[in-house]
Amino acid sequence: MSSSTPAPDTTTPGPDPAAARSSRRLALYALAVCVLAVAAAVVSFAQANFLGIVWVLIAGLSSNIAWFAYKRAATVR
């Protein structure tokens, strides 16, 4: 009964440039959604429509996603 163990991997993984690019792209898309949601909220409130509250919540969510993706991209680099 011979048990062969694989040789340990001596290469250290570096930062993945594809992950950084995708995180930056996600951050830009989320920022665009945030800006559009803020514009929709302003228009909605200007028309005395309280559906703007939903747009404000969407803007808050997308800004958090943009911030998280930006920080993740900065960490990978």
C-alpha atoms as a PDB file:
ATOM      1  CA  MET A   1       0.000   0.000   0.000  1.00  0.00           C
ATOM      2  CA  SER A   2       1.873   3.018  -1.182  1.00  0.00           C
ATOM      3  CA  SER A   3       0.417   6.408  -0.494  1.00  0.00           C
ATOM      4  CA  SER A   4       1.754   9.138  -2.719  1.00  0.00           C
ATOM      5  CA  THR A   5       1.156  12.678  -1.652  1.00  0.00           C
ATOM      6  CA  PRO A   6       1.311  15.428  -4.237  1.00  0.00           C
ATOM      7  CA  ALA A   7       4.179  17.871  -4.063  1.00  0.00           C
ATOM      8  CA  PRO A   8       3.293  21.110  -2.296  1.00  0.00           C
ATOM      9  CA  ASP A   9       2.536  24.040  -4.546  1.00  0.00           C
ATOM     10  CA  THR A  10       5.380  26.533  -4.228  1.00  0.00           C
ATOM     11  CA  THR A  11       3.870  29.259  -6.387  1.00  0.00           C
ATOM     12  CA  THR A  12       2.102  32.039  -4.591  1.00  0.00           C
ATOM     13  CA  PRO A  13      -0.979  33.342  -6.324  1.00  0.00           C
ATOM     14  CA  GLY A  14      -0.762  36.998  -7.209  1.00  0.00           C
ATOM     15  CA  PRO A  15      -3.583  39.473  -7.598  1.00  0.00           C
ATOM     16  CA  ASP A  16      -6.059  38.468 -10.259  1.00  0.00           C
ATOM     17  CA  PRO A  17      -6.339  41.303 -12.807  1.00  0.00           C
ATOM     18  CA  ALA A  18      -9.610  39.899 -14.167  1.00  0.00           C
ATOM     19  CA  ALA A  19     -11.197  40.154 -10.712  1.00  0.00           C
ATOM     20  CA  ALA A  20     -10.031  43.754 -10.387  1.00  0.00           C
ATOM     21  CA  ARG A  21     -11.486  44.647 -13.784  1.00  0.00           C
ATOM     22  CA  SER A  22     -14.818  43.024 -13.048  1.00  0.00           C
ATOM     23  CA  SER A  23     -15.028  44.731  -9.645  1.00  0.00           C
ATOM     24  CA  ARG A  24     -14.252  48.115 -11.182  1.00  0.00           C
ATOM     25  CA  ARG A  25     -16.873  47.497 -13.873  1.00  0.00           C
ATOM     26  CA  LEU A  26     -19.443  46.541 -11.238  1.00  0.00           C
ATOM     27  CA  ALA A  27     -18.596  49.683  -9.277  1.00  0.00           C
ATOM     28  CA  LEU A  28     -19.128  51.867 -12.351  1.00  0.00           C
ATOM     29  CA  TYR A  29     -22.442  50.212 -13.211  1.00  0.00           C
ATOM     30  CA  ALA A  30     -23.657  50.556  -9.627  1.00  0.00           C
ATOM     31  CA  LEU A  31     -22.604  54.208  -9.594  1.00  0.00           C
ATOM     32  CA  ALA A  32     -24.550  54.814 -12.811  1.00  0.00           C
ATOM     33  CA  VAL A  33     -27.626  53.170 -11.268  1.00  0.00           C
ATOM     34  CA  CYS A  34     -27.189  55.335  -8.176  1.00  0.00           C
ATOM     35  CA  VAL A  35     -27.055  58.553 -10.217  1.00  0.00           C
ATOM     36  CA  LEU A  36     -30.076  57.548 -12.279  1.00  0.00           C
ATOM     37  CA  ALA A  37     -32.024  56.576  -9.146  1.00  0.00           C
ATOM     38  CA  VAL A  38     -31.277  59.946  -7.543  1.00  0.00           C
ATOM     39  CA  ALA A  39     -32.458  61.713 -10.702  1.00  0.00           C
ATOM     40  CA  ALA A  40     -35.626  59.603 -10.723  1.00  0.00           C
ATOM     41  CA  ALA A  41     -36.221  60.409  -7.058  1.00  0.00           C
ATOM     42  CA  VAL A  42     -35.867  64.142  -7.684  1.00  0.00           C
ATOM     43  CA  VAL A  43     -38.293  64.005 -10.616  1.00  0.00           C
ATOM     44  CA  SER A  44     -40.707  61.858  -8.629  1.00  0.00           C
ATOM     45  CA  PHE A  45     -40.719  64.204  -5.633  1.00  0.00           C
ATOM     46  CA  ALA A  46     -41.006  67.243  -7.920  1.00  0.00           C
ATOM     47  CA  GLN A  47     -44.206  65.738  -9.310  1.00  0.00           C
ATOM     48  CA  ALA A  48     -45.490  65.217  -5.745  1.00  0.00           C
ATOM     49  CA  ASN A  49     -45.293  61.454  -6.121  1.00  0.00           C
ATOM     50  CA  PHE A  50     -44.093  59.644  -3.039  1.00  0.00           C
ATOM     51  CA  LEU A  51     -42.822  56.750  -5.116  1.00  0.00           C
ATOM     52  CA  GLY A  52     -39.568  58.698  -4.884  1.00  0.00           C
ATOM     53  CA  ILE A  53     -38.963  57.020  -1.531  1.00  0.00           C
ATOM     54  CA  VAL A  54     -38.402  53.748  -3.395  1.00  0.00           C
ATOM     55  CA  TRP A  55     -35.909  55.508  -5.684  1.00  0.00           C
ATOM     56  CA  VAL A  56     -34.041  56.855  -2.663  1.00  0.00           C
ATOM     57  CA  LEU A  57     -33.791  53.335  -1.249  1.00  0.00           C
ATOM     58  CA  ILE A  58     -32.523  52.015  -4.592  1.00  0.00           C
ATOM     59  CA  ALA A  59     -29.954  54.820  -4.686  1.00  0.00           C
ATOM     60  CA  GLY A  60     -28.752  53.896  -1.203  1.00  0.00           C
ATOM     61  CA  LEU A  61     -28.458  50.224  -2.068  1.00  0.00           C
ATOM     62  CA  SER A  62     -26.601  50.861  -5.309  1.00  0.00           C
ATOM     63  CA  SER A  63     -24.198  53.300  -3.647  1.00  0.00           C
ATOM     64  CA  ASN A  64     -23.338  50.640  -1.079  1.00  0.00           C
ATOM     65  CA  ILE A  65     -22.735  48.111  -3.852  1.00  0.00           C
ATOM     66  CA  ALA A  66     -20.542  50.635  -5.704  1.00  0.00           C
ATOM     67  CA  TRP A  67     -18.510  51.363  -2.573  1.00  0.00           C
ATOM     68  CA  PHE A  68     -18.022  47.675  -1.783  1.00  0.00           C
ATOM     69  CA  ALA A  69     -16.986  46.839  -5.360  1.00  0.00           C
ATOM     70  CA  TYR A  70     -14.590  49.801  -5.486  1.00  0.00           C
ATOM     71  CA  LYS A  71     -12.920  48.770  -2.233  1.00  0.00           C
ATOM     72  CA  ARG A  72     -12.691  45.141  -3.411  1.00  0.00           C
ATOM     73  CA  ALA A  73     -11.056  46.273  -6.679  1.00  0.00           C
ATOM     74  CA  ALA A  74      -8.595  48.422  -4.745  1.00  0.00           C
ATOM     75  CA  THR A  75      -7.739  45.477  -2.479  1.00  0.00           C
ATOM     76  CA  VAL A  76      -7.094  43.164  -5.434  1.00  0.00           C
ATOM     77  CA  ARG A  77      -4.727  45.642  -7.086  1.00  0.00           C
END
